[in-house]
Amino acid sequence: MPVPDVQSLLLPILRITGDKAEHTSLELRERIKDDFCISLQDARRVHKKGLNVWTNQVAWALAHLVMGKLVLSTRKGHYYITDNGIAMLNTHPSDLTIRQLH
Protein backbone atom coordinates (compact mmCIF):
# COMPACT_ATOMS: atom_id res chain seq x y z
CA MET A 1 0.00 0.00 0.00
CA PRO A 2 1.34 3.47 -0.80
CA VAL A 3 2.13 5.89 2.01
CA PRO A 4 -1.15 7.41 3.30
CA ASP A 5 -1.71 11.14 3.58
CA VAL A 6 -1.09 12.96 6.86
CA GLN A 7 -4.77 13.22 7.75
CA SER A 8 -5.24 9.45 7.48
CA LEU A 9 -2.54 8.97 10.12
CA LEU A 10 -4.04 11.25 12.78
CA LEU A 11 -6.57 8.91 14.37
CA PRO A 12 -4.42 5.76 14.28
CA ILE A 13 -1.58 7.61 16.01
CA LEU A 14 -3.97 9.05 18.59
CA ARG A 15 -5.38 5.59 19.26
CA ILE A 16 -1.92 4.14 19.86
CA THR A 17 -1.09 6.90 22.32
CA GLY A 18 -4.43 6.28 24.01
CA ASP A 19 -2.76 3.68 26.23
CA LYS A 20 -1.34 6.67 28.16
CA ALA A 21 2.23 5.46 27.74
CA GLU A 22 5.01 7.53 26.24
CA HIS A 23 5.79 6.51 22.65
CA THR A 24 8.73 7.34 20.42
CA SER A 25 8.24 8.54 16.88
CA LEU A 26 10.13 5.45 15.68
CA GLU A 27 7.76 3.14 17.55
CA LEU A 28 4.73 4.98 16.19
CA ARG A 29 6.07 4.78 12.63
CA GLU A 30 6.64 1.04 12.95
CA ARG A 31 3.24 0.29 14.47
CA ILE A 32 1.34 2.42 11.98
CA LYS A 33 3.37 0.96 9.11
CA ASP A 34 2.10 -2.48 10.08
CA ASP A 35 -1.49 -1.23 10.48
CA PHE A 36 -1.46 0.27 7.00
CA CYS A 37 0.53 -2.63 5.48
CA ILE A 38 3.16 -0.24 4.14
CA SER A 39 5.73 -2.17 2.14
CA LEU A 40 9.41 -1.84 2.93
CA GLN A 41 9.89 -0.27 -0.49
CA ASP A 42 7.23 2.39 0.20
CA ALA A 43 8.59 3.00 3.72
CA ARG A 44 12.03 3.70 2.21
CA ARG A 45 10.82 6.01 -0.57
CA VAL A 46 12.62 9.34 -0.62
CA HIS A 47 11.08 12.65 -1.69
CA LYS A 48 12.87 14.69 -4.35
CA LYS A 49 14.16 16.96 -1.56
CA GLY A 50 15.89 13.98 0.05
CA LEU A 51 13.39 13.41 2.87
CA ASN A 52 12.00 9.99 3.68
CA VAL A 53 8.31 10.24 2.71
CA TRP A 54 7.02 7.86 5.41
CA THR A 55 8.98 9.52 8.23
CA ASN A 56 7.88 12.94 7.00
CA GLN A 57 4.18 12.01 6.86
CA VAL A 58 4.20 10.63 10.40
CA ALA A 59 6.14 13.67 11.65
CA TRP A 60 3.54 16.00 10.15
CA ALA A 61 0.70 14.00 11.68
CA LEU A 62 2.39 14.21 15.08
CA ALA A 63 2.95 17.95 14.62
CA HIS A 64 -0.76 18.47 13.91
CA LEU A 65 -1.73 16.39 16.95
CA VAL A 66 0.64 18.44 19.12
CA MET A 67 -0.67 21.75 17.70
CA GLY A 68 -4.20 20.50 18.33
CA LYS A 69 -3.23 19.75 21.95
CA LEU A 70 -4.26 16.09 21.68
CA VAL A 71 -0.69 14.84 22.07
CA LEU A 72 2.20 16.33 24.01
CA SER A 73 5.83 16.16 22.92
CA THR A 74 7.47 15.29 26.23
CA ARG A 75 10.97 15.57 24.75
CA LYS A 76 12.46 15.24 21.28
CA GLY A 77 10.90 12.27 19.53
CA HIS A 78 8.69 11.23 22.49
CA TYR A 79 4.92 11.66 22.66
CA TYR A 80 2.18 11.26 25.24
CA ILE A 81 -1.58 11.68 24.92
CA THR A 82 -3.16 14.65 26.72
CA ASP A 83 -6.47 14.86 28.56
CA ASN A 84 -7.88 16.51 25.42
CA GLY A 85 -6.68 13.53 23.39
CA ILE A 86 -8.37 11.09 25.79
CA ALA A 87 -11.57 13.15 25.61
CA MET A 88 -11.43 13.00 21.81
CA LEU A 89 -11.00 9.22 21.86
CA ASN A 90 -13.91 8.91 24.28
CA THR A 91 -16.19 10.36 21.59
CA HIS A 92 -15.32 7.28 19.46
CA PRO A 93 -14.54 9.27 16.28
CA SER A 94 -14.60 7.43 12.99
CA ASP A 95 -12.06 9.86 11.59
CA LEU A 96 -10.06 12.91 12.60
CA THR A 97 -9.30 15.83 10.34
CA ILE A 98 -6.66 18.51 10.41
CA ARG A 99 -9.44 21.08 10.41
CA GLN A 100 -10.78 19.65 13.69
CA LEU A 101 -7.37 20.19 15.28
CA HIS A 102 -7.00 23.88 14.43
PDB file of N, CA and C in Angstrom:
ATOM      1  N   MET A   1       0.847  -1.180   0.000  1.00  0.00           N
ATOM      2  CA  MET A   1       0.000   0.000   0.000  1.00  0.00           C
ATOM      3  C   MET A   1       0.891   1.241   0.000  1.00  0.00           C
ATOM      4  N   PRO A   2       0.547   2.240  -0.800  1.00  0.00           N
ATOM      5  CA  PRO A   2       1.339   3.474  -0.795  1.00  0.00           C
ATOM      6  C   PRO A   2       1.214   4.208   0.541  1.00  0.00           C
ATOM      7  N   VAL A   3       2.121   5.111   0.779  1.00  0.00           N
ATOM      8  CA  VAL A   3       2.125   5.889   2.014  1.00  0.00           C
ATOM      9  C   VAL A   3       0.857   6.737   2.072  1.00  0.00           C
ATOM     10  N   PRO A   4       0.086   6.626   3.175  1.00  0.00           N
ATOM     11  CA  PRO A   4      -1.148   7.410   3.295  1.00  0.00           C
ATOM     12  C   PRO A   4      -0.859   8.889   3.548  1.00  0.00           C
ATOM     13  N   ASP A   5      -1.878   9.714   3.327  1.00  0.00           N
ATOM     14  CA  ASP A   5      -1.708  11.142   3.582  1.00  0.00           C
ATOM     15  C   ASP A   5      -1.690  11.400   5.092  1.00  0.00           C
ATOM     16  N   VAL A   6      -1.257  12.580   5.452  1.00  0.00           N
ATOM     17  CA  VAL A   6      -1.095  12.959   6.860  1.00  0.00           C
ATOM     18  C   VAL A   6      -2.400  12.790   7.628  1.00  0.00           C
ATOM     19  N   GLN A   7      -3.480  13.252   7.060  1.00  0.00           N
ATOM     20  CA  GLN A   7      -4.771  13.216   7.750  1.00  0.00           C
ATOM     21  C   GLN A   7      -5.199  11.787   8.090  1.00  0.00           C
ATOM     22  N   SER A   8      -4.889  10.846   7.232  1.00  0.00           N
ATOM     23  CA  SER A   8      -5.243   9.446   7.477  1.00  0.00           C
ATOM     24  C   SER A   8      -4.479   8.854   8.652  1.00  0.00           C
ATOM     25  N   LEU A   9      -3.379   9.473   9.029  1.00  0.00           N
ATOM     26  CA  LEU A   9      -2.542   8.969  10.117  1.00  0.00           C
ATOM     27  C   LEU A   9      -2.949   9.507  11.487  1.00  0.00           C
ATOM     28  N   LEU A  10      -3.722  10.580  11.519  1.00  0.00           N
ATOM     29  CA  LEU A  10      -4.043  11.252  12.783  1.00  0.00           C
ATOM     30  C   LEU A  10      -4.713  10.330  13.801  1.00  0.00           C
ATOM     31  N   LEU A  11      -5.821   9.731  13.427  1.00  0.00           N
ATOM     32  CA  LEU A  11      -6.574   8.910  14.370  1.00  0.00           C
ATOM     33  C   LEU A  11      -5.821   7.648  14.774  1.00  0.00           C
ATOM     34  N   PRO A  12      -5.186   6.931  13.850  1.00  0.00           N
ATOM     35  CA  PRO A  12      -4.424   5.756  14.278  1.00  0.00           C
ATOM     36  C   PRO A  12      -3.309   6.097  15.278  1.00  0.00           C
ATOM     37  N   ILE A  13      -2.625   7.207  15.066  1.00  0.00           N
ATOM     38  CA  ILE A  13      -1.582   7.614  16.015  1.00  0.00           C
ATOM     39  C   ILE A  13      -2.211   7.959  17.359  1.00  0.00           C
ATOM     40  N   LEU A  14      -3.300   8.693  17.330  1.00  0.00           N
ATOM     41  CA  LEU A  14      -3.968   9.054  18.586  1.00  0.00           C
ATOM     42  C   LEU A  14      -4.423   7.803  19.331  1.00  0.00           C
ATOM     43  N   ARG A  15      -4.940   6.831  18.614  1.00  0.00           N
ATOM     44  CA  ARG A  15      -5.382   5.590  19.257  1.00  0.00           C
ATOM     45  C   ARG A  15      -4.222   4.840  19.917  1.00  0.00           C
ATOM     46  N   ILE A  16      -3.080   4.809  19.265  1.00  0.00           N
ATOM     47  CA  ILE A  16      -1.924   4.136  19.864  1.00  0.00           C
ATOM     48  C   ILE A  16      -1.513   4.840  21.153  1.00  0.00           C
ATOM     49  N   THR A  17      -1.486   6.166  21.116  1.00  0.00           N
ATOM     50  CA  THR A  17      -1.090   6.903  22.318  1.00  0.00           C
ATOM     51  C   THR A  17      -2.153   6.844  23.404  1.00  0.00           C
ATOM     52  N   GLY A  18      -3.326   6.372  23.053  1.00  0.00           N
ATOM     53  CA  GLY A  18      -4.429   6.280  24.010  1.00  0.00           C
ATOM     54  C   GLY A  18      -4.170   5.331  25.164  1.00  0.00           C
ATOM     55  N   ASP A  19      -3.096   4.557  25.102  1.00  0.00           N
ATOM     56  CA  ASP A  19      -2.757   3.682  26.227  1.00  0.00           C
ATOM     57  C   ASP A  19      -2.093   4.455  27.365  1.00  0.00           C
ATOM     58  N   LYS A  20      -1.909   5.752  27.166  1.00  0.00           N
ATOM     59  CA  LYS A  20      -1.343   6.672  28.162  1.00  0.00           C
ATOM     60  C   LYS A  20       0.125   6.394  28.484  1.00  0.00           C
ATOM     61  N   ALA A  21       0.789   5.685  27.596  1.00  0.00           N
ATOM     62  CA  ALA A  21       2.230   5.462  27.741  1.00  0.00           C
ATOM     63  C   ALA A  21       2.952   6.429  26.808  1.00  0.00           C
ATOM     64  N   GLU A  22       4.198   6.706  27.114  1.00  0.00           N
ATOM     65  CA  GLU A  22       5.008   7.531  26.238  1.00  0.00           C
ATOM     66  C   GLU A  22       5.472   6.668  25.059  1.00  0.00           C
ATOM     67  N   HIS A  23       5.398   7.233  23.862  1.00  0.00           N
ATOM     68  CA  HIS A  23       5.787   6.508  22.652  1.00  0.00           C
ATOM     69  C   HIS A  23       6.811   7.324  21.875  1.00  0.00           C
ATOM     70  N   THR A  24       7.761   6.647  21.267  1.00  0.00           N
ATOM     71  CA  THR A  24       8.726   7.339  20.417  1.00  0.00           C
ATOM     72  C   THR A  24       8.164   7.440  19.004  1.00  0.00           C
ATOM     73  N   SER A  25       8.683   8.398  18.272  1.00  0.00           N
ATOM     74  CA  SER A  25       8.242   8.537  16.882  1.00  0.00           C
ATOM     75  C   SER A  25       8.597   7.292  16.079  1.00  0.00           C
ATOM     76  N   LEU A  26       9.741   6.687  16.372  1.00  0.00           N
ATOM     77  CA  LEU A  26      10.134   5.448  15.684  1.00  0.00           C
ATOM     78  C   LEU A  26       9.130   4.333  15.959  1.00  0.00           C
ATOM     79  N   GLU A  27       8.751   4.166  17.199  1.00  0.00           N
ATOM     80  CA  GLU A  27       7.763   3.137  17.552  1.00  0.00           C
ATOM     81  C   GLU A  27       6.441   3.398  16.846  1.00  0.00           C
ATOM     82  N   LEU A  28       5.998   4.638  16.849  1.00  0.00           N
ATOM     83  CA  LEU A  28       4.731   4.980  16.194  1.00  0.00           C
ATOM     84  C   LEU A  28       4.802   4.691  14.695  1.00  0.00           C
ATOM     85  N   ARG A  29       5.913   5.057  14.064  1.00  0.00           N
ATOM     86  CA  ARG A  29       6.066   4.779  12.630  1.00  0.00           C
ATOM     87  C   ARG A  29       5.977   3.288  12.348  1.00  0.00           C
ATOM     88  N   GLU A  30       6.639   2.482  13.162  1.00  0.00           N
ATOM     89  CA  GLU A  30       6.636   1.037  12.945  1.00  0.00           C
ATOM     90  C   GLU A  30       5.250   0.432  13.155  1.00  0.00           C
ATOM     91  N   ARG A  31       4.568   0.849  14.207  1.00  0.00           N
ATOM     92  CA  ARG A  31       3.243   0.286  14.475  1.00  0.00           C
ATOM     93  C   ARG A  31       2.227   0.703  13.422  1.00  0.00           C
ATOM     94  N   ILE A  32       2.269   1.944  13.007  1.00  0.00           N
ATOM     95  CA  ILE A  32       1.337   2.421  11.983  1.00  0.00           C
ATOM     96  C   ILE A  32       1.660   1.777  10.640  1.00  0.00           C
ATOM     97  N   LYS A  33       2.956   1.605  10.364  1.00  0.00           N
ATOM     98  CA  LYS A  33       3.368   0.960   9.106  1.00  0.00           C
ATOM     99  C   LYS A  33       2.727  -0.417   8.992  1.00  0.00           C
ATOM    100  N   ASP A  34       2.723  -1.150  10.083  1.00  0.00           N
ATOM    101  CA  ASP A  34       2.103  -2.475  10.083  1.00  0.00           C
ATOM    102  C   ASP A  34       0.592  -2.376   9.906  1.00  0.00           C
ATOM    103  N   ASP A  35      -0.034  -1.409  10.590  1.00  0.00           N
ATOM    104  CA  ASP A  35      -1.491  -1.231  10.481  1.00  0.00           C
ATOM    105  C   ASP A  35      -1.926  -0.923   9.048  1.00  0.00           C
ATOM    106  N   PHE A  36      -1.128  -0.121   8.359  1.00  0.00           N
ATOM    107  CA  PHE A  36      -1.460   0.273   6.996  1.00  0.00           C
ATOM    108  C   PHE A  36      -0.849  -0.657   5.946  1.00  0.00           C
ATOM    109  N   CYS A  37      -0.126  -1.682   6.396  1.00  0.00           N
ATOM    110  CA  CYS A  37       0.534  -2.627   5.478  1.00  0.00           C
ATOM    111  C   CYS A  37       1.429  -1.917   4.471  1.00  0.00           C
ATOM    112  N   ILE A  38       2.223  -0.978   4.985  1.00  0.00           N
ATOM    113  CA  ILE A  38       3.162  -0.241   4.145  1.00  0.00           C
ATOM    114  C   ILE A  38       4.324  -1.170   3.812  1.00  0.00           C
ATOM    115  N   SER A  39       4.623  -1.306   2.557  1.00  0.00           N
ATOM    116  CA  SER A  39       5.734  -2.174   2.145  1.00  0.00           C
ATOM    117  C   SER A  39       7.064  -1.528   2.527  1.00  0.00           C
ATOM    118  N   LEU A  40       8.078  -2.338   2.619  1.00  0.00           N
ATOM    119  CA  LEU A  40       9.410  -1.839   2.927  1.00  0.00           C
ATOM    120  C   LEU A  40       9.864  -0.847   1.857  1.00  0.00           C
ATOM    121  N   GLN A  41       9.525  -1.155   0.621  1.00  0.00           N
ATOM    122  CA  GLN A  41       9.887  -0.268  -0.489  1.00  0.00           C
ATOM    123  C   GLN A  41       9.220   1.101  -0.324  1.00  0.00           C
ATOM    124  N   ASP A  42       7.931   1.118   0.007  1.00  0.00           N
ATOM    125  CA  ASP A  42       7.232   2.392   0.203  1.00  0.00           C
ATOM    126  C   ASP A  42       7.753   3.123   1.440  1.00  0.00           C
ATOM    127  N   ALA A  43       8.083   2.382   2.489  1.00  0.00           N
ATOM    128  CA  ALA A  43       8.592   2.995   3.716  1.00  0.00           C
ATOM    129  C   ALA A  43       9.971   3.627   3.498  1.00  0.00           C
ATOM    130  N   ARG A  44      10.691   3.174   2.490  1.00  0.00           N
ATOM    131  CA  ARG A  44      12.034   3.703   2.210  1.00  0.00           C
ATOM    132  C   ARG A  44      12.049   4.770   1.118  1.00  0.00           C
ATOM    133  N   ARG A  45      10.880   5.042   0.538  1.00  0.00           N
ATOM    134  CA  ARG A  45      10.817   6.006  -0.567  1.00  0.00           C
ATOM    135  C   ARG A  45      11.293   7.387  -0.101  1.00  0.00           C
ATOM    136  N   VAL A  46      12.057   8.030  -0.945  1.00  0.00           N
ATOM    137  CA  VAL A  46      12.622   9.338  -0.618  1.00  0.00           C
ATOM    138  C   VAL A  46      12.002  10.392  -1.538  1.00  0.00           C
ATOM    139  N   HIS A  47      11.631  11.524  -0.957  1.00  0.00           N
ATOM    140  CA  HIS A  47      11.085  12.653  -1.687  1.00  0.00           C
ATOM    141  C   HIS A  47      12.210  13.312  -2.484  1.00  0.00           C
ATOM    142  N   LYS A  48      11.853  14.048  -3.509  1.00  0.00           N
ATOM    143  CA  LYS A  48      12.873  14.690  -4.350  1.00  0.00           C
ATOM    144  C   LYS A  48      13.784  15.633  -3.563  1.00  0.00           C
ATOM    145  N   LYS A  49      13.334  16.089  -2.393  1.00  0.00           N
ATOM    146  CA  LYS A  49      14.165  16.961  -1.560  1.00  0.00           C
ATOM    147  C   LYS A  49      15.054  16.156  -0.614  1.00  0.00           C
ATOM    148  N   GLY A  50      15.022  14.830  -0.752  1.00  0.00           N
ATOM    149  CA  GLY A  50      15.894  13.982   0.046  1.00  0.00           C
ATOM    150  C   GLY A  50      15.293  13.489   1.349  1.00  0.00           C
ATOM    151  N   LEU A  51      14.046  13.834   1.631  1.00  0.00           N
ATOM    152  CA  LEU A  51      13.389  13.411   2.866  1.00  0.00           C
ATOM    153  C   LEU A  51      12.706  12.063   2.685  1.00  0.00           C
ATOM    154  N   ASN A  52      12.739  11.247   3.709  1.00  0.00           N
ATOM    155  CA  ASN A  52      11.996   9.991   3.678  1.00  0.00           C
ATOM    156  C   ASN A  52      10.511  10.322   3.771  1.00  0.00           C
ATOM    157  N   VAL A  53       9.736   9.885   2.800  1.00  0.00           N
ATOM    158  CA  VAL A  53       8.313  10.235   2.709  1.00  0.00           C
ATOM    159  C   VAL A  53       7.532   9.718   3.925  1.00  0.00           C
ATOM    160  N   TRP A  54       7.759   8.457   4.298  1.00  0.00           N
ATOM    161  CA  TRP A  54       7.018   7.856   5.412  1.00  0.00           C
ATOM    162  C   TRP A  54       7.315   8.586   6.725  1.00  0.00           C
ATOM    163  N   THR A  55       8.581   8.811   7.004  1.00  0.00           N
ATOM    164  CA  THR A  55       8.978   9.521   8.225  1.00  0.00           C
ATOM    165  C   THR A  55       8.379  10.918   8.242  1.00  0.00           C
ATOM    166  N   ASN A  56       8.406  11.583   7.104  1.00  0.00           N
ATOM    167  CA  ASN A  56       7.877  12.938   7.002  1.00  0.00           C
ATOM    168  C   ASN A  56       6.370  12.980   7.240  1.00  0.00           C
ATOM    169  N   GLN A  57       5.638  12.030   6.673  1.00  0.00           N
ATOM    170  CA  GLN A  57       4.175  12.006   6.859  1.00  0.00           C
ATOM    171  C   GLN A  57       3.816  11.810   8.335  1.00  0.00           C
ATOM    172  N   VAL A  58       4.482  10.879   8.984  1.00  0.00           N
ATOM    173  CA  VAL A  58       4.204  10.632  10.402  1.00  0.00           C
ATOM    174  C   VAL A  58       4.597  11.844  11.235  1.00  0.00           C
ATOM    175  N   ALA A  59       5.711  12.475  10.908  1.00  0.00           N
ATOM    176  CA  ALA A  59       6.144  13.670  11.647  1.00  0.00           C
ATOM    177  C   ALA A  59       5.114  14.795  11.524  1.00  0.00           C
ATOM    178  N   TRP A  60       4.564  14.974  10.332  1.00  0.00           N
ATOM    179  CA  TRP A  60       3.540  16.000  10.147  1.00  0.00           C
ATOM    180  C   TRP A  60       2.261  15.658  10.918  1.00  0.00           C
ATOM    181  N   ALA A  61       1.884  14.408  10.920  1.00  0.00           N
ATOM    182  CA  ALA A  61       0.696  14.003  11.685  1.00  0.00           C
ATOM    183  C   ALA A  61       0.917  14.280  13.171  1.00  0.00           C
ATOM    184  N   LEU A  62       2.093  13.927  13.677  1.00  0.00           N
ATOM    185  CA  LEU A  62       2.395  14.207  15.081  1.00  0.00           C
ATOM    186  C   LEU A  62       2.395  15.705  15.359  1.00  0.00           C
ATOM    187  N   ALA A  63       2.941  16.489  14.447  1.00  0.00           N
ATOM    188  CA  ALA A  63       2.953  17.948  14.621  1.00  0.00           C
ATOM    189  C   ALA A  63       1.532  18.500  14.715  1.00  0.00           C
ATOM    190  N   HIS A  64       0.638  18.012  13.866  1.00  0.00           N
ATOM    191  CA  HIS A  64      -0.758  18.468  13.914  1.00  0.00           C
ATOM    192  C   HIS A  64      -1.431  18.046  15.219  1.00  0.00           C
ATOM    193  N   LEU A  65      -1.147  16.839  15.681  1.00  0.00           N
ATOM    194  CA  LEU A  65      -1.728  16.388  16.950  1.00  0.00           C
ATOM    195  C   LEU A  65      -1.204  17.208  18.125  1.00  0.00           C
ATOM    196  N   VAL A  66       0.064  17.582  18.072  1.00  0.00           N
ATOM    197  CA  VAL A  66       0.637  18.442  19.122  1.00  0.00           C
ATOM    198  C   VAL A  66       0.022  19.836  19.049  1.00  0.00           C
ATOM    199  N   MET A  67      -0.070  20.413  17.850  1.00  0.00           N
ATOM    200  CA  MET A  67      -0.675  21.745  17.700  1.00  0.00           C
ATOM    201  C   MET A  67      -2.130  21.750  18.137  1.00  0.00           C
ATOM    202  N   GLY A  68      -2.807  20.620  17.929  1.00  0.00           N
ATOM    203  CA  GLY A  68      -4.202  20.504  18.332  1.00  0.00           C
ATOM    204  C   GLY A  68      -4.371  20.153  19.804  1.00  0.00           C
ATOM    205  N   LYS A  69      -3.257  20.029  20.512  1.00  0.00           N
ATOM    206  CA  LYS A  69      -3.232  19.750  21.952  1.00  0.00           C
ATOM    207  C   LYS A  69      -3.846  18.398  22.329  1.00  0.00           C
ATOM    208  N   LEU A  70      -3.788  17.444  21.385  1.00  0.00           N
ATOM    209  CA  LEU A  70      -4.262  16.092  21.683  1.00  0.00           C
ATOM    210  C   LEU A  70      -3.110  15.196  22.121  1.00  0.00           C
ATOM    211  N   VAL A  71      -1.902  15.572  21.714  1.00  0.00           N
ATOM    212  CA  VAL A  71      -0.687  14.836  22.067  1.00  0.00           C
ATOM    213  C   VAL A  71       0.344  15.858  22.513  1.00  0.00           C
ATOM    214  N   LEU A  72       1.146  15.474  23.476  1.00  0.00           N
ATOM    215  CA  LEU A  72       2.200  16.332  24.008  1.00  0.00           C
ATOM    216  C   LEU A  72       3.551  15.749  23.623  1.00  0.00           C
ATOM    217  N   SER A  73       4.448  16.598  23.170  1.00  0.00           N
ATOM    218  CA  SER A  73       5.826  16.164  22.919  1.00  0.00           C
ATOM    219  C   SER A  73       6.567  16.343  24.240  1.00  0.00           C
ATOM    220  N   THR A  74       6.862  15.223  24.904  1.00  0.00           N
ATOM    221  CA  THR A  74       7.473  15.285  26.226  1.00  0.00           C
ATOM    222  C   THR A  74       8.958  15.618  26.154  1.00  0.00           C
ATOM    223  N   ARG A  75       9.592  15.235  25.075  1.00  0.00           N
ATOM    224  CA  ARG A  75      10.974  15.573  24.748  1.00  0.00           C
ATOM    225  C   ARG A  75      11.150  15.178  23.287  1.00  0.00           C
ATOM    226  N   LYS A  76      12.275  15.489  22.715  1.00  0.00           N
ATOM    227  CA  LYS A  76      12.457  15.241  21.283  1.00  0.00           C
ATOM    228  C   LYS A  76      12.180  13.778  20.931  1.00  0.00           C
ATOM    229  N   GLY A  77      11.215  13.597  20.022  1.00  0.00           N
ATOM    230  CA  GLY A  77      10.897  12.267  19.530  1.00  0.00           C
ATOM    231  C   GLY A  77      10.070  11.400  20.461  1.00  0.00           C
ATOM    232  N   HIS A  78       9.499  11.975  21.521  1.00  0.00           N
ATOM    233  CA  HIS A  78       8.693  11.225  22.490  1.00  0.00           C
ATOM    234  C   HIS A  78       7.337  11.924  22.661  1.00  0.00           C
ATOM    235  N   TYR A  79       6.277  11.106  22.658  1.00  0.00           N
ATOM    236  CA  TYR A  79       4.923  11.658  22.657  1.00  0.00           C
ATOM    237  C   TYR A  79       4.035  10.954  23.665  1.00  0.00           C
ATOM    238  N   TYR A  80       3.091  11.734  24.203  1.00  0.00           N
ATOM    239  CA  TYR A  80       2.183  11.255  25.237  1.00  0.00           C
ATOM    240  C   TYR A  80       0.819  11.895  24.992  1.00  0.00           C
ATOM    241  N   ILE A  81      -0.236  11.135  25.138  1.00  0.00           N
ATOM    242  CA  ILE A  81      -1.578  11.678  24.924  1.00  0.00           C
ATOM    243  C   ILE A  81      -1.949  12.639  26.047  1.00  0.00           C
ATOM    244  N   THR A  82      -2.690  13.677  25.721  1.00  0.00           N
ATOM    245  CA  THR A  82      -3.155  14.647  26.716  1.00  0.00           C
ATOM    246  C   THR A  82      -4.576  14.304  27.150  1.00  0.00           C
ATOM    247  N   ASP A  83      -5.076  15.033  28.142  1.00  0.00           N
ATOM    248  CA  ASP A  83      -6.466  14.860  28.556  1.00  0.00           C
ATOM    249  C   ASP A  83      -7.415  15.185  27.405  1.00  0.00           C
ATOM    250  N   ASN A  84      -7.054  16.178  26.592  1.00  0.00           N
ATOM    251  CA  ASN A  84      -7.875  16.511  25.419  1.00  0.00           C
ATOM    252  C   ASN A  84      -7.895  15.347  24.426  1.00  0.00           C
ATOM    253  N   GLY A  85      -6.761  14.689  24.275  1.00  0.00           N
ATOM    254  CA  GLY A  85      -6.684  13.532  23.392  1.00  0.00           C
ATOM    255  C   GLY A  85      -7.553  12.387  23.888  1.00  0.00           C
ATOM    256  N   ILE A  86      -7.515  12.136  25.200  1.00  0.00           N
ATOM    257  CA  ILE A  86      -8.370  11.094  25.795  1.00  0.00           C
ATOM    258  C   ILE A  86      -9.836  11.444  25.587  1.00  0.00           C
ATOM    259  N   ALA A  87     -10.178  12.719  25.806  1.00  0.00           N
ATOM    260  CA  ALA A  87     -11.566  13.154  25.609  1.00  0.00           C
ATOM    261  C   ALA A  87     -12.002  12.936  24.161  1.00  0.00           C
ATOM    262  N   MET A  88     -11.107  13.216  23.225  1.00  0.00           N
ATOM    263  CA  MET A  88     -11.431  13.002  21.809  1.00  0.00           C
ATOM    264  C   MET A  88     -11.676  11.523  21.544  1.00  0.00           C
ATOM    265  N   LEU A  89     -10.810  10.662  22.061  1.00  0.00           N
ATOM    266  CA  LEU A  89     -10.996   9.219  21.856  1.00  0.00           C
ATOM    267  C   LEU A  89     -12.286   8.726  22.492  1.00  0.00           C
ATOM    268  N   ASN A  90     -12.682   9.318  23.600  1.00  0.00           N
ATOM    269  CA  ASN A  90     -13.913   8.911  24.284  1.00  0.00           C
ATOM    270  C   ASN A  90     -15.172   9.236  23.492  1.00  0.00           C
ATOM    271  N   THR A  91     -15.044  10.083  22.463  1.00  0.00           N
ATOM    272  CA  THR A  91     -16.190  10.365  21.585  1.00  0.00           C
ATOM    273  C   THR A  91     -16.308   9.307  20.487  1.00  0.00           C
ATOM    274  N   HIS A  92     -15.358   8.371  20.444  1.00  0.00           N
ATOM    275  CA  HIS A  92     -15.323   7.285  19.458  1.00  0.00           C
ATOM    276  C   HIS A  92     -15.417   7.806  18.022  1.00  0.00           C
ATOM    277  N   PRO A  93     -14.486   8.707  17.645  1.00  0.00           N
ATOM    278  CA  PRO A  93     -14.541   9.266  16.285  1.00  0.00           C
ATOM    279  C   PRO A  93     -14.229   8.209  15.230  1.00  0.00           C
ATOM    280  N   SER A  94     -14.884   8.337  14.092  1.00  0.00           N
ATOM    281  CA  SER A  94     -14.597   7.426  12.986  1.00  0.00           C
ATOM    282  C   SER A  94     -13.447   7.961  12.140  1.00  0.00           C
ATOM    283  N   ASP A  95     -13.208   9.254  12.254  1.00  0.00           N
ATOM    284  CA  ASP A  95     -12.057   9.861  11.595  1.00  0.00           C
ATOM    285  C   ASP A  95     -11.685  11.132  12.349  1.00  0.00           C
ATOM    286  N   LEU A  96     -10.559  11.686  11.978  1.00  0.00           N
ATOM    287  CA  LEU A  96     -10.061  12.908  12.599  1.00  0.00           C
ATOM    288  C   LEU A  96      -9.437  13.729  11.488  1.00  0.00           C
ATOM    289  N   THR A  97      -9.813  14.992  11.417  1.00  0.00           N
ATOM    290  CA  THR A  97      -9.298  15.832  10.336  1.00  0.00           C
ATOM    291  C   THR A  97      -8.383  16.919  10.892  1.00  0.00           C
ATOM    292  N   ILE A  98      -7.546  17.416  10.026  1.00  0.00           N
ATOM    293  CA  ILE A  98      -6.657  18.513  10.405  1.00  0.00           C
ATOM    294  C   ILE A  98      -7.491  19.727  10.793  1.00  0.00           C
ATOM    295  N   ARG A  99      -8.563  19.947  10.099  1.00  0.00           N
ATOM    296  CA  ARG A  99      -9.439  21.084  10.407  1.00  0.00           C
ATOM    297  C   ARG A  99      -9.972  21.010  11.841  1.00  0.00           C
ATOM    298  N   GLN A 100     -10.293  19.804  12.327  1.00  0.00           N
ATOM    299  CA  GLN A 100     -10.779  19.652  13.692  1.00  0.00           C
ATOM    300  C   GLN A 100      -9.712  20.029  14.728  1.00  0.00           C
ATOM    301  N   LEU A 101      -8.464  19.934  14.344  1.00  0.00           N
ATOM    302  CA  LEU A 101      -7.374  20.186  15.277  1.00  0.00           C
ATOM    303  C   LEU A 101      -6.997  21.663  15.401  1.00  0.00           C
ATOM    304  N   HIS A 102      -7.424  22.469  14.432  1.00  0.00           N
ATOM    305  CA  HIS A 102      -6.999  23.879  14.430  1.00  0.00           C
ATOM    306  C   HIS A 102      -8.148  24.840  14.490  1.00  0.00           C
TER     307      HIS A 102
END
